[in-house]
């Protein structure tokens, strides 16, 4: 519920008012309403009242995606079934360390932003579940880029101390850039372009920095 929606609501306080309330639904529009109040509650929205609400919605979508069973199945398919279970930088494997699947191009946050921004630009209504479902479908269509990293390398990347050569990244991430780049803000595009430009010839580390990788 946005702040504008909250502002429109006059609290019904008396016991008699509560007992006399009848709630109805427009099942086509997925909207609740009542004769007792002019405000109608829709499942879907098409914009946000503030940047704070926008980012809160993005984070809620991210959380839903990460917690859903389908996302866990996707990760398990990569690591357990396909056996892509070694760090793509150190070559250490899951029998020795914890292996994470890292979203690279795009990050999960950027993916959700792109999906939401497209809906807004196209004036299409949406809810958290619409965005989460679309994001999961893109995972299953292999349209996002990812790498497997040991937990400490994953932390190192997010702390700004690791560049990942783009040739290590799996998934059709270039499709995402072509199809959704126009729905991203300049700072997000700059981040993507920086990640696309990283290669073994220009990152600040080499294989010799990782003894495990060199000896594997």
N, C-alpha and C. Protein backbone atom coordinates (compact mmCIF):
# COMPACT_ATOMS: atom_id res chain seq x y z
N UNK A 1 0.85 -1.18 0.00
CA UNK A 1 0.00 0.00 0.00
C UNK A 1 0.89 1.24 0.00
N UNK A 2 0.68 2.17 -0.93
CA UNK A 2 1.49 3.37 -1.03
C UNK A 2 1.03 4.41 -0.01
N UNK A 3 1.84 5.46 0.17
CA UNK A 3 1.48 6.52 1.10
C UNK A 3 0.21 7.23 0.64
N UNK A 4 0.05 7.38 -0.68
CA UNK A 4 -1.16 8.01 -1.20
C UNK A 4 -2.39 7.19 -0.84
N UNK A 5 -2.26 5.87 -0.95
CA UNK A 5 -3.38 5.00 -0.58
C UNK A 5 -3.70 5.15 0.90
N UNK A 6 -2.65 5.22 1.73
CA UNK A 6 -2.86 5.36 3.17
C UNK A 6 -3.54 6.69 3.49
N UNK A 7 -3.14 7.75 2.78
CA UNK A 7 -3.71 9.07 3.03
C UNK A 7 -5.20 9.12 2.73
N UNK A 8 -5.63 8.28 1.80
CA UNK A 8 -7.03 8.28 1.40
C UNK A 8 -7.92 7.54 2.39
N UNK A 9 -7.31 6.80 3.29
CA UNK A 9 -8.08 5.96 4.20
C UNK A 9 -8.44 6.72 5.48
N UNK A 10 -9.70 6.83 5.75
CA UNK A 10 -10.18 7.36 7.02
C UNK A 10 -10.54 6.17 7.88
N UNK A 11 -9.88 6.06 9.02
CA UNK A 11 -10.07 4.89 9.89
C UNK A 11 -11.50 4.79 10.39
N UNK A 12 -12.06 3.60 10.28
CA UNK A 12 -13.40 3.33 10.81
C UNK A 12 -13.22 2.84 12.23
N UNK A 13 -13.74 3.62 13.18
CA UNK A 13 -13.39 3.38 14.57
C UNK A 13 -14.51 2.77 15.42
N UNK A 14 -15.75 3.19 15.24
CA UNK A 14 -16.80 2.73 16.14
C UNK A 14 -17.18 1.28 15.88
N UNK A 15 -17.64 0.62 16.93
CA UNK A 15 -18.04 -0.79 16.83
C UNK A 15 -19.19 -0.97 15.85
N UNK A 16 -20.14 -0.04 15.87
CA UNK A 16 -21.29 -0.14 14.96
C UNK A 16 -20.84 -0.04 13.51
N UNK A 17 -19.89 0.85 13.25
CA UNK A 17 -19.39 1.00 11.89
C UNK A 17 -18.72 -0.29 11.41
N UNK A 18 -17.94 -0.91 12.29
CA UNK A 18 -17.24 -2.14 11.93
C UNK A 18 -18.24 -3.27 11.66
N UNK A 19 -19.24 -3.40 12.50
CA UNK A 19 -20.21 -4.48 12.36
C UNK A 19 -21.04 -4.34 11.09
N UNK A 20 -21.21 -3.13 10.60
CA UNK A 20 -22.04 -2.90 9.42
C UNK A 20 -21.26 -2.89 8.12
N UNK A 21 -19.98 -3.17 8.18
CA UNK A 21 -19.16 -3.13 6.97
C UNK A 21 -19.38 -4.38 6.12
N UNK A 22 -19.58 -4.16 4.85
CA UNK A 22 -19.63 -5.25 3.87
C UNK A 22 -18.49 -5.04 2.88
N UNK A 23 -17.73 -6.08 2.67
CA UNK A 23 -16.60 -5.99 1.75
C UNK A 23 -16.92 -6.77 0.47
N UNK A 24 -16.63 -6.15 -0.67
CA UNK A 24 -16.91 -6.75 -1.96
C UNK A 24 -15.62 -6.82 -2.77
N UNK A 25 -15.70 -7.55 -3.86
CA UNK A 25 -14.52 -7.67 -4.71
C UNK A 25 -14.89 -7.56 -6.18
N UNK A 26 -14.10 -6.78 -6.90
CA UNK A 26 -14.16 -6.77 -8.35
C UNK A 26 -13.17 -7.85 -8.79
N UNK A 27 -13.67 -9.02 -9.08
CA UNK A 27 -12.78 -10.16 -9.33
C UNK A 27 -12.01 -10.02 -10.63
N UNK A 28 -12.53 -9.23 -11.55
CA UNK A 28 -11.83 -9.01 -12.81
C UNK A 28 -10.60 -8.15 -12.61
N UNK A 29 -10.77 -7.09 -11.82
CA UNK A 29 -9.67 -6.16 -11.57
C UNK A 29 -8.86 -6.52 -10.32
N UNK A 30 -9.28 -7.56 -9.60
CA UNK A 30 -8.64 -7.95 -8.35
C UNK A 30 -8.56 -6.75 -7.41
N UNK A 31 -9.75 -6.26 -7.05
CA UNK A 31 -9.85 -5.04 -6.27
C UNK A 31 -10.91 -5.20 -5.20
N UNK A 32 -10.57 -4.83 -3.97
CA UNK A 32 -11.52 -4.87 -2.86
C UNK A 32 -12.14 -3.49 -2.67
N UNK A 33 -13.44 -3.46 -2.30
CA UNK A 33 -14.08 -2.18 -2.03
C UNK A 33 -15.24 -2.40 -1.06
N UNK A 34 -15.74 -1.30 -0.52
CA UNK A 34 -16.84 -1.34 0.44
C UNK A 34 -17.67 -0.07 0.32
N UNK A 35 -18.96 -0.20 0.57
CA UNK A 35 -19.83 0.98 0.58
C UNK A 35 -19.51 1.90 1.75
N UNK A 36 -18.77 1.36 2.74
CA UNK A 36 -18.47 2.13 3.94
C UNK A 36 -17.30 3.09 3.75
N UNK A 37 -16.61 2.98 2.62
CA UNK A 37 -15.44 3.82 2.41
C UNK A 37 -15.17 3.99 0.92
N UNK A 38 -14.75 5.17 0.49
CA UNK A 38 -14.51 5.40 -0.95
C UNK A 38 -13.23 4.76 -1.48
N UNK A 39 -12.30 4.43 -0.58
CA UNK A 39 -11.03 3.86 -1.03
C UNK A 39 -11.21 2.42 -1.50
N UNK A 40 -10.61 2.10 -2.64
CA UNK A 40 -10.64 0.75 -3.20
C UNK A 40 -9.20 0.22 -3.20
N UNK A 41 -9.02 -1.02 -2.75
CA UNK A 41 -7.69 -1.62 -2.63
C UNK A 41 -7.44 -2.57 -3.78
N UNK A 42 -6.46 -2.23 -4.60
CA UNK A 42 -6.11 -3.07 -5.75
C UNK A 42 -4.89 -3.93 -5.43
N UNK A 43 -4.90 -5.15 -5.95
CA UNK A 43 -3.73 -6.01 -5.78
C UNK A 43 -2.52 -5.43 -6.49
N UNK A 44 -2.75 -4.80 -7.63
CA UNK A 44 -1.65 -4.31 -8.47
C UNK A 44 -1.56 -2.79 -8.48
N UNK A 45 -0.37 -2.32 -8.78
CA UNK A 45 -0.10 -0.89 -8.89
C UNK A 45 0.56 -0.64 -10.24
N UNK A 46 0.79 0.64 -10.58
CA UNK A 46 1.50 0.93 -11.83
C UNK A 46 2.56 2.01 -11.65
N UNK A 47 2.81 2.41 -10.39
CA UNK A 47 3.86 3.39 -10.13
C UNK A 47 4.06 3.50 -8.61
N UNK A 48 4.98 4.38 -8.22
CA UNK A 48 5.28 4.58 -6.80
C UNK A 48 5.24 6.06 -6.47
N UNK A 49 4.94 6.36 -5.22
CA UNK A 49 4.86 7.75 -4.78
C UNK A 49 6.23 8.33 -4.43
N UNK A 50 7.21 7.47 -4.19
CA UNK A 50 8.53 7.96 -3.79
C UNK A 50 9.60 6.94 -4.15
N UNK A 51 10.85 7.40 -4.18
CA UNK A 51 11.97 6.52 -4.42
C UNK A 51 12.12 5.50 -3.31
N UNK A 52 11.77 5.90 -2.09
CA UNK A 52 11.83 5.00 -0.94
C UNK A 52 10.89 3.81 -1.13
N UNK A 53 9.66 4.08 -1.56
CA UNK A 53 8.70 3.01 -1.80
C UNK A 53 9.15 2.12 -2.94
N UNK A 54 9.72 2.73 -3.97
CA UNK A 54 10.23 1.97 -5.12
C UNK A 54 11.30 0.98 -4.68
N UNK A 55 12.27 1.44 -3.92
CA UNK A 55 13.36 0.57 -3.50
C UNK A 55 12.89 -0.49 -2.51
N UNK A 56 11.92 -0.12 -1.66
CA UNK A 56 11.36 -1.10 -0.73
C UNK A 56 10.68 -2.22 -1.51
N UNK A 57 9.96 -1.86 -2.57
CA UNK A 57 9.29 -2.86 -3.40
C UNK A 57 10.32 -3.77 -4.07
N UNK A 58 11.40 -3.19 -4.59
CA UNK A 58 12.46 -3.97 -5.23
C UNK A 58 13.05 -4.97 -4.25
N UNK A 59 13.34 -4.52 -3.04
CA UNK A 59 13.93 -5.41 -2.03
C UNK A 59 12.95 -6.51 -1.62
N UNK A 60 11.67 -6.19 -1.55
CA UNK A 60 10.68 -7.22 -1.23
C UNK A 60 10.64 -8.29 -2.32
N UNK A 61 10.72 -7.85 -3.58
CA UNK A 61 10.75 -8.81 -4.69
C UNK A 61 11.99 -9.68 -4.61
N UNK A 62 13.13 -9.07 -4.35
CA UNK A 62 14.37 -9.82 -4.20
C UNK A 62 14.24 -10.89 -3.13
N UNK A 63 13.70 -10.50 -1.99
CA UNK A 63 13.55 -11.42 -0.87
C UNK A 63 12.64 -12.59 -1.24
N UNK A 64 11.53 -12.30 -1.91
CA UNK A 64 10.60 -13.34 -2.32
C UNK A 64 11.27 -14.31 -3.29
N UNK A 65 12.04 -13.77 -4.22
CA UNK A 65 12.73 -14.62 -5.20
C UNK A 65 13.72 -15.55 -4.50
N UNK A 66 14.54 -15.00 -3.63
CA UNK A 66 15.58 -15.80 -2.97
C UNK A 66 14.99 -16.88 -2.06
N UNK A 67 13.81 -16.63 -1.52
CA UNK A 67 13.22 -17.58 -0.58
C UNK A 67 12.34 -18.63 -1.26
N UNK A 68 12.00 -18.43 -2.52
CA UNK A 68 11.05 -19.36 -3.15
C UNK A 68 11.73 -20.67 -3.53
N UNK A 69 10.94 -21.73 -3.58
CA UNK A 69 11.47 -23.06 -3.89
C UNK A 69 12.07 -23.16 -5.27
N UNK A 70 11.49 -22.45 -6.24
CA UNK A 70 11.97 -22.53 -7.62
C UNK A 70 13.38 -21.96 -7.75
N UNK A 71 13.67 -20.91 -6.99
CA UNK A 71 15.01 -20.34 -7.02
C UNK A 71 16.03 -21.32 -6.44
N UNK A 72 15.64 -21.98 -5.37
CA UNK A 72 16.53 -22.98 -4.77
C UNK A 72 16.74 -24.15 -5.72
N UNK A 73 15.69 -24.54 -6.45
CA UNK A 73 15.82 -25.60 -7.45
C UNK A 73 16.81 -25.20 -8.54
N UNK A 74 16.73 -23.93 -8.97
CA UNK A 74 17.64 -23.43 -10.01
C UNK A 74 19.09 -23.52 -9.54
N UNK A 75 19.35 -23.07 -8.31
CA UNK A 75 20.71 -23.13 -7.78
C UNK A 75 21.17 -24.58 -7.61
N UNK A 76 20.28 -25.42 -7.12
CA UNK A 76 20.64 -26.83 -6.92
C UNK A 76 20.92 -27.53 -8.24
N UNK A 77 20.18 -27.15 -9.28
CA UNK A 77 20.41 -27.76 -10.61
C UNK A 77 21.82 -27.44 -11.09
N UNK A 78 22.23 -26.20 -10.90
CA UNK A 78 23.57 -25.78 -11.33
C UNK A 78 24.65 -26.51 -10.53
N UNK A 79 24.51 -26.50 -9.22
CA UNK A 79 25.57 -27.02 -8.35
C UNK A 79 25.54 -28.54 -8.20
N UNK A 80 24.33 -29.10 -7.97
CA UNK A 80 24.24 -30.53 -7.65
C UNK A 80 24.05 -31.41 -8.88
N UNK A 81 23.22 -30.98 -9.82
CA UNK A 81 22.93 -31.81 -10.99
C UNK A 81 23.99 -31.63 -12.07
N UNK A 82 24.25 -30.38 -12.45
CA UNK A 82 25.25 -30.13 -13.50
C UNK A 82 26.67 -30.20 -12.97
N UNK A 83 26.80 -30.20 -11.64
CA UNK A 83 28.11 -30.28 -11.00
C UNK A 83 29.00 -29.08 -11.31
N UNK A 84 28.38 -27.93 -11.54
CA UNK A 84 29.14 -26.69 -11.64
C UNK A 84 29.34 -26.22 -10.20
N UNK A 85 30.23 -26.88 -9.51
CA UNK A 85 30.35 -26.69 -8.06
C UNK A 85 31.76 -26.37 -7.61
N UNK A 86 32.53 -25.76 -8.51
CA UNK A 86 33.86 -25.27 -8.16
C UNK A 86 33.90 -23.76 -8.34
N UNK A 87 34.71 -23.10 -7.55
CA UNK A 87 34.89 -21.66 -7.71
C UNK A 87 35.56 -21.38 -9.04
N UNK A 88 35.01 -20.48 -9.82
CA UNK A 88 35.53 -20.20 -11.16
C UNK A 88 36.81 -19.37 -11.11
N UNK A 89 37.23 -18.97 -9.92
CA UNK A 89 38.48 -18.23 -9.78
C UNK A 89 39.56 -19.09 -9.13
N UNK A 90 39.23 -19.76 -8.03
CA UNK A 90 40.25 -20.53 -7.32
C UNK A 90 40.26 -22.02 -7.67
N UNK A 91 39.18 -22.49 -8.30
CA UNK A 91 39.01 -23.91 -8.62
C UNK A 91 38.76 -24.79 -7.40
N UNK A 92 38.63 -24.21 -6.22
CA UNK A 92 38.25 -25.00 -5.04
C UNK A 92 36.83 -25.51 -5.24
N UNK A 93 36.56 -26.72 -4.77
CA UNK A 93 35.24 -27.30 -5.02
C UNK A 93 34.40 -27.42 -3.76
N UNK A 94 33.19 -27.85 -3.95
CA UNK A 94 32.20 -27.85 -2.88
C UNK A 94 32.55 -28.83 -1.76
N UNK A 95 33.44 -29.79 -2.03
CA UNK A 95 33.87 -30.72 -0.98
C UNK A 95 34.83 -30.05 0.00
N UNK A 96 35.36 -28.89 -0.42
CA UNK A 96 36.35 -28.20 0.42
C UNK A 96 35.79 -26.93 1.06
N UNK A 97 34.91 -26.25 0.34
CA UNK A 97 34.43 -24.94 0.78
C UNK A 97 32.95 -24.77 0.41
N UNK A 98 32.35 -23.69 0.89
CA UNK A 98 30.98 -23.35 0.51
C UNK A 98 30.99 -22.62 -0.83
N UNK A 99 30.16 -23.07 -1.76
CA UNK A 99 30.07 -22.48 -3.09
C UNK A 99 28.76 -21.70 -3.22
N UNK A 100 28.87 -20.45 -3.65
CA UNK A 100 27.69 -19.61 -3.91
C UNK A 100 27.49 -19.43 -5.40
N UNK A 101 26.24 -19.22 -5.80
CA UNK A 101 25.95 -18.80 -7.18
C UNK A 101 25.75 -17.29 -7.14
N UNK A 102 26.62 -16.57 -7.80
CA UNK A 102 26.62 -15.11 -7.78
C UNK A 102 26.01 -14.55 -9.06
N UNK A 103 24.96 -13.72 -8.92
CA UNK A 103 24.41 -13.00 -10.08
C UNK A 103 25.41 -11.93 -10.49
N UNK A 104 25.78 -11.91 -11.76
CA UNK A 104 26.81 -10.94 -12.18
C UNK A 104 26.26 -9.90 -13.15
N UNK A 105 25.78 -10.34 -14.29
CA UNK A 105 25.12 -9.44 -15.25
C UNK A 105 23.80 -10.07 -15.63
N UNK A 106 22.71 -9.54 -15.06
CA UNK A 106 22.64 -8.44 -14.10
C UNK A 106 22.70 -8.98 -12.67
N UNK A 107 22.89 -8.08 -11.70
CA UNK A 107 22.67 -8.46 -10.31
C UNK A 107 21.17 -8.71 -10.14
N UNK A 108 20.80 -9.40 -9.09
CA UNK A 108 19.37 -9.65 -8.88
C UNK A 108 18.62 -8.34 -8.68
N UNK A 109 19.24 -7.38 -7.99
CA UNK A 109 18.61 -6.09 -7.78
C UNK A 109 18.35 -5.40 -9.12
N UNK A 110 19.36 -5.41 -10.00
CA UNK A 110 19.22 -4.76 -11.30
C UNK A 110 18.19 -5.47 -12.17
N UNK A 111 18.14 -6.80 -12.08
CA UNK A 111 17.14 -7.56 -12.82
C UNK A 111 15.74 -7.12 -12.41
N UNK A 112 15.49 -7.05 -11.12
CA UNK A 112 14.16 -6.66 -10.64
C UNK A 112 13.85 -5.22 -11.04
N UNK A 113 14.83 -4.33 -10.92
CA UNK A 113 14.62 -2.94 -11.35
C UNK A 113 14.19 -2.87 -12.81
N UNK A 114 14.87 -3.64 -13.66
CA UNK A 114 14.55 -3.63 -15.09
C UNK A 114 13.12 -4.11 -15.34
N UNK A 115 12.72 -5.16 -14.66
CA UNK A 115 11.37 -5.70 -14.84
C UNK A 115 10.31 -4.70 -14.38
N UNK A 116 10.56 -4.06 -13.25
CA UNK A 116 9.61 -3.07 -12.73
C UNK A 116 9.57 -1.84 -13.64
N UNK A 117 10.74 -1.35 -14.04
CA UNK A 117 10.80 -0.16 -14.88
C UNK A 117 10.10 -0.38 -16.22
N UNK A 118 10.23 -1.58 -16.76
CA UNK A 118 9.55 -1.88 -18.02
C UNK A 118 8.04 -1.81 -17.84
N UNK A 119 7.54 -2.37 -16.74
CA UNK A 119 6.10 -2.33 -16.47
C UNK A 119 5.61 -0.89 -16.35
N UNK A 120 6.38 -0.07 -15.64
CA UNK A 120 6.00 1.33 -15.46
C UNK A 120 6.00 2.07 -16.81
N UNK A 121 7.07 1.88 -17.58
CA UNK A 121 7.18 2.56 -18.88
C UNK A 121 6.06 2.15 -19.83
N UNK A 122 5.64 0.88 -19.73
CA UNK A 122 4.59 0.37 -20.61
C UNK A 122 3.19 0.55 -20.01
N UNK A 123 3.13 1.22 -18.84
CA UNK A 123 1.87 1.48 -18.15
C UNK A 123 1.10 0.18 -17.87
N UNK A 124 1.85 -0.84 -17.41
CA UNK A 124 1.26 -2.13 -17.08
C UNK A 124 1.21 -2.29 -15.56
N UNK A 125 0.07 -2.71 -15.05
CA UNK A 125 -0.06 -2.95 -13.62
C UNK A 125 0.76 -4.17 -13.20
N UNK A 126 1.19 -4.18 -11.94
CA UNK A 126 2.01 -5.29 -11.46
C UNK A 126 1.92 -5.38 -9.95
N UNK A 127 2.28 -6.54 -9.44
CA UNK A 127 2.43 -6.75 -8.00
C UNK A 127 3.73 -7.49 -7.77
N UNK A 128 4.08 -7.67 -6.52
CA UNK A 128 5.33 -8.35 -6.16
C UNK A 128 5.43 -9.72 -6.81
N UNK A 129 4.33 -10.46 -6.84
CA UNK A 129 4.35 -11.82 -7.37
C UNK A 129 4.55 -11.85 -8.88
N UNK A 130 4.01 -10.85 -9.58
CA UNK A 130 4.22 -10.76 -11.03
C UNK A 130 5.71 -10.61 -11.34
N UNK A 131 6.36 -9.71 -10.62
CA UNK A 131 7.78 -9.43 -10.87
C UNK A 131 8.64 -10.64 -10.48
N UNK A 132 8.35 -11.23 -9.33
CA UNK A 132 9.12 -12.39 -8.88
C UNK A 132 8.98 -13.55 -9.85
N UNK A 133 7.76 -13.78 -10.34
CA UNK A 133 7.53 -14.87 -11.29
C UNK A 133 8.30 -14.63 -12.58
N UNK A 134 8.28 -13.39 -13.08
CA UNK A 134 8.99 -13.08 -14.32
C UNK A 134 10.50 -13.25 -14.13
N UNK A 135 11.00 -12.84 -12.97
CA UNK A 135 12.43 -12.99 -12.70
C UNK A 135 12.84 -14.46 -12.67
N UNK A 136 12.03 -15.29 -12.02
CA UNK A 136 12.32 -16.72 -11.97
C UNK A 136 12.27 -17.33 -13.37
N UNK A 137 11.31 -16.92 -14.17
CA UNK A 137 11.23 -17.43 -15.54
C UNK A 137 12.49 -17.11 -16.33
N UNK A 138 13.06 -15.92 -16.14
CA UNK A 138 14.29 -15.56 -16.84
C UNK A 138 15.47 -16.41 -16.37
N UNK A 139 15.45 -16.82 -15.10
CA UNK A 139 16.47 -17.76 -14.62
C UNK A 139 16.33 -19.10 -15.36
N UNK A 140 15.10 -19.56 -15.51
CA UNK A 140 14.87 -20.86 -16.15
C UNK A 140 15.02 -20.78 -17.67
N UNK A 141 14.99 -19.58 -18.22
CA UNK A 141 15.28 -19.39 -19.64
C UNK A 141 16.77 -19.15 -19.88
N UNK A 142 17.54 -19.15 -18.79
CA UNK A 142 18.99 -18.96 -18.84
C UNK A 142 19.37 -17.60 -19.42
N UNK A 143 18.60 -16.57 -19.07
CA UNK A 143 18.83 -15.23 -19.61
C UNK A 143 19.52 -14.30 -18.62
N UNK A 144 20.11 -14.84 -17.58
CA UNK A 144 20.87 -14.02 -16.64
C UNK A 144 22.28 -14.59 -16.52
N UNK A 145 23.23 -13.73 -16.18
CA UNK A 145 24.62 -14.18 -16.06
C UNK A 145 24.99 -14.48 -14.63
N UNK A 146 25.73 -15.57 -14.44
CA UNK A 146 26.11 -15.97 -13.08
C UNK A 146 27.47 -16.66 -13.10
N UNK A 147 28.10 -16.67 -11.94
CA UNK A 147 29.34 -17.43 -11.74
C UNK A 147 29.25 -18.13 -10.40
N UNK A 148 29.98 -19.21 -10.26
CA UNK A 148 30.08 -19.88 -8.96
C UNK A 148 31.36 -19.42 -8.28
N UNK A 149 31.23 -19.03 -7.02
CA UNK A 149 32.36 -18.50 -6.26
C UNK A 149 32.37 -19.10 -4.86
N UNK A 150 33.56 -19.25 -4.29
CA UNK A 150 33.61 -19.62 -2.88
C UNK A 150 33.06 -18.44 -2.07
N UNK A 151 32.53 -18.71 -0.89
CA UNK A 151 31.85 -17.68 -0.10
C UNK A 151 32.72 -16.45 0.14
N UNK A 152 34.00 -16.66 0.43
CA UNK A 152 34.87 -15.51 0.71
C UNK A 152 35.11 -14.67 -0.54
N UNK A 153 35.19 -15.31 -1.71
CA UNK A 153 35.33 -14.56 -2.96
C UNK A 153 34.05 -13.77 -3.25
N UNK A 154 32.93 -14.37 -2.94
CA UNK A 154 31.65 -13.69 -3.13
C UNK A 154 31.62 -12.42 -2.26
N UNK A 155 32.05 -12.56 -1.02
CA UNK A 155 32.11 -11.41 -0.11
C UNK A 155 33.10 -10.37 -0.62
N UNK A 156 34.21 -10.84 -1.12
CA UNK A 156 35.25 -9.94 -1.63
C UNK A 156 34.72 -9.11 -2.79
N UNK A 157 33.94 -9.75 -3.67
CA UNK A 157 33.35 -9.02 -4.79
C UNK A 157 32.40 -7.93 -4.30
N UNK A 158 31.50 -8.29 -3.41
CA UNK A 158 30.51 -7.32 -2.95
C UNK A 158 31.11 -6.24 -2.06
N UNK A 159 32.31 -6.48 -1.55
CA UNK A 159 33.02 -5.45 -0.80
C UNK A 159 33.88 -4.57 -1.71
N UNK A 160 33.80 -4.83 -3.02
CA UNK A 160 34.49 -3.98 -3.99
C UNK A 160 35.95 -4.30 -4.21
N UNK A 161 36.37 -5.53 -3.90
CA UNK A 161 37.79 -5.87 -4.01
C UNK A 161 38.06 -7.01 -4.99
N UNK A 162 37.13 -7.27 -5.91
CA UNK A 162 37.33 -8.34 -6.87
C UNK A 162 36.63 -8.01 -8.18
N UNK A 163 37.36 -8.16 -9.28
CA UNK A 163 36.78 -8.05 -10.62
C UNK A 163 36.67 -9.45 -11.20
N UNK A 164 35.58 -9.70 -11.91
CA UNK A 164 35.34 -11.03 -12.47
C UNK A 164 35.41 -10.95 -14.00
N UNK A 165 36.36 -11.65 -14.61
CA UNK A 165 36.44 -11.64 -16.07
C UNK A 165 35.13 -12.13 -16.70
N UNK A 166 34.66 -11.43 -17.68
CA UNK A 166 33.35 -11.73 -18.26
C UNK A 166 33.33 -13.09 -18.94
N UNK A 167 34.48 -13.60 -19.36
CA UNK A 167 34.50 -14.91 -20.02
C UNK A 167 34.20 -16.06 -19.05
N UNK A 168 34.25 -15.77 -17.74
CA UNK A 168 33.91 -16.79 -16.74
C UNK A 168 32.41 -16.88 -16.49
N UNK A 169 31.67 -15.89 -16.96
CA UNK A 169 30.25 -15.78 -16.64
C UNK A 169 29.42 -16.68 -17.56
N UNK A 170 28.55 -17.47 -16.94
CA UNK A 170 27.65 -18.36 -17.69
C UNK A 170 26.27 -17.72 -17.83
N UNK A 171 25.47 -18.22 -18.77
CA UNK A 171 24.14 -17.68 -19.00
C UNK A 171 24.15 -16.65 -20.12
N UNK A 172 22.98 -16.45 -20.74
CA UNK A 172 22.87 -15.53 -21.87
C UNK A 172 22.64 -14.10 -21.38
N UNK A 173 23.64 -13.57 -20.69
CA UNK A 173 23.52 -12.23 -20.10
C UNK A 173 23.44 -11.13 -21.17
N UNK A 174 24.01 -11.38 -22.34
CA UNK A 174 23.97 -10.36 -23.39
C UNK A 174 22.54 -10.16 -23.90
N UNK A 175 21.73 -11.22 -23.86
CA UNK A 175 20.32 -11.08 -24.21
C UNK A 175 19.64 -10.10 -23.26
N UNK A 176 19.93 -10.25 -21.97
CA UNK A 176 19.34 -9.34 -20.99
C UNK A 176 19.73 -7.90 -21.28
N UNK A 177 21.00 -7.66 -21.57
CA UNK A 177 21.46 -6.30 -21.84
C UNK A 177 20.75 -5.72 -23.06
N UNK A 178 20.59 -6.54 -24.11
CA UNK A 178 19.91 -6.07 -25.32
C UNK A 178 18.44 -5.75 -25.06
N UNK A 179 17.76 -6.62 -24.34
CA UNK A 179 16.32 -6.50 -24.17
C UNK A 179 15.91 -5.54 -23.05
N UNK A 180 16.73 -5.43 -22.03
CA UNK A 180 16.31 -4.66 -20.85
C UNK A 180 17.20 -3.47 -20.53
N UNK A 181 18.31 -3.31 -21.25
CA UNK A 181 19.20 -2.19 -20.98
C UNK A 181 18.51 -0.84 -21.06
N UNK A 182 17.55 -0.70 -21.97
CA UNK A 182 16.85 0.58 -22.15
C UNK A 182 15.94 0.93 -20.98
N UNK A 183 15.70 -0.02 -20.09
CA UNK A 183 14.85 0.24 -18.94
C UNK A 183 15.65 0.51 -17.66
N UNK A 184 16.97 0.63 -17.79
CA UNK A 184 17.83 0.83 -16.63
C UNK A 184 18.33 2.26 -16.55
N UNK A 185 18.64 2.69 -15.32
CA UNK A 185 19.21 4.01 -15.10
C UNK A 185 20.69 4.00 -15.49
N UNK A 186 21.24 5.20 -15.68
CA UNK A 186 22.62 5.32 -16.14
C UNK A 186 23.62 4.66 -15.20
N UNK A 187 23.41 4.78 -13.88
CA UNK A 187 24.37 4.18 -12.95
C UNK A 187 24.36 2.66 -13.05
N UNK A 188 23.17 2.07 -13.29
CA UNK A 188 23.09 0.62 -13.43
C UNK A 188 23.75 0.18 -14.74
N UNK A 189 23.56 0.97 -15.80
CA UNK A 189 24.20 0.65 -17.09
C UNK A 189 25.71 0.79 -16.99
N UNK A 190 26.17 1.77 -16.25
CA UNK A 190 27.62 1.96 -16.07
C UNK A 190 28.22 0.76 -15.34
N UNK A 191 27.50 0.26 -14.35
CA UNK A 191 27.98 -0.92 -13.61
C UNK A 191 28.05 -2.12 -14.54
N UNK A 192 27.00 -2.33 -15.34
CA UNK A 192 26.98 -3.46 -16.28
C UNK A 192 28.12 -3.34 -17.29
N UNK A 193 28.31 -2.15 -17.86
CA UNK A 193 29.37 -1.96 -18.86
C UNK A 193 30.74 -2.20 -18.25
N UNK A 194 30.92 -1.81 -17.00
CA UNK A 194 32.19 -2.06 -16.32
C UNK A 194 32.43 -3.55 -16.15
N UNK A 195 31.38 -4.28 -15.82
CA UNK A 195 31.52 -5.74 -15.65
C UNK A 195 31.75 -6.43 -17.00
N UNK A 196 31.11 -5.93 -18.05
CA UNK A 196 31.30 -6.51 -19.37
C UNK A 196 32.72 -6.28 -19.89
N UNK A 197 33.34 -5.20 -19.45
CA UNK A 197 34.68 -4.86 -19.93
C UNK A 197 35.79 -5.62 -19.22
N UNK A 198 35.47 -6.27 -18.10
CA UNK A 198 36.50 -6.98 -17.34
C UNK A 198 36.93 -8.26 -18.05
N UNK A 199 38.24 -8.46 -18.18
CA UNK A 199 38.77 -9.68 -18.82
C UNK A 199 40.03 -10.10 -18.08
N UNK A 200 40.53 -11.27 -18.40
CA UNK A 200 41.74 -11.76 -17.73
C UNK A 200 42.93 -10.85 -18.00
N UNK A 201 42.86 -10.08 -19.08
CA UNK A 201 43.99 -9.22 -19.44
C UNK A 201 43.97 -7.88 -18.70
N UNK A 202 42.83 -7.51 -18.11
CA UNK A 202 42.80 -6.19 -17.47
C UNK A 202 42.32 -6.18 -16.02
N UNK A 203 41.99 -7.36 -15.45
CA UNK A 203 41.62 -7.37 -14.03
C UNK A 203 42.88 -7.20 -13.19
N UNK A 204 42.70 -6.83 -11.93
CA UNK A 204 43.85 -6.51 -11.08
C UNK A 204 44.48 -7.73 -10.42
N UNK A 205 44.05 -8.91 -10.81
CA UNK A 205 44.63 -10.12 -10.26
C UNK A 205 44.94 -11.09 -11.40
N UNK A 206 45.75 -12.10 -11.12
CA UNK A 206 46.06 -13.13 -12.09
C UNK A 206 45.97 -14.50 -11.45
N UNK A 207 46.05 -15.53 -12.27
CA UNK A 207 45.95 -16.89 -11.74
C UNK A 207 47.03 -17.18 -10.70
N UNK A 208 48.17 -16.52 -10.85
CA UNK A 208 49.26 -16.76 -9.90
C UNK A 208 48.91 -16.29 -8.50
N UNK A 209 47.88 -15.43 -8.39
CA UNK A 209 47.46 -14.97 -7.07
C UNK A 209 46.77 -16.07 -6.27
N UNK A 210 46.34 -17.13 -6.99
CA UNK A 210 45.55 -18.18 -6.33
C UNK A 210 46.25 -19.51 -6.57
N UNK A 211 46.99 -19.94 -5.56
CA UNK A 211 47.80 -21.15 -5.66
C UNK A 211 46.95 -22.36 -5.99
N UNK A 212 45.75 -22.43 -5.39
CA UNK A 212 44.87 -23.57 -5.64
C UNK A 212 44.53 -23.68 -7.10
N UNK A 213 44.24 -22.53 -7.73
CA UNK A 213 43.87 -22.52 -9.14
C UNK A 213 45.08 -22.92 -10.00
N UNK A 214 46.23 -22.42 -9.63
CA UNK A 214 47.41 -22.71 -10.43
C UNK A 214 47.80 -24.18 -10.37
N UNK A 215 47.56 -24.83 -9.25
CA UNK A 215 47.98 -26.22 -9.08
C UNK A 215 46.89 -27.20 -9.50
N UNK A 216 45.66 -26.72 -9.74
CA UNK A 216 44.53 -27.62 -10.04
C UNK A 216 44.72 -28.29 -11.39
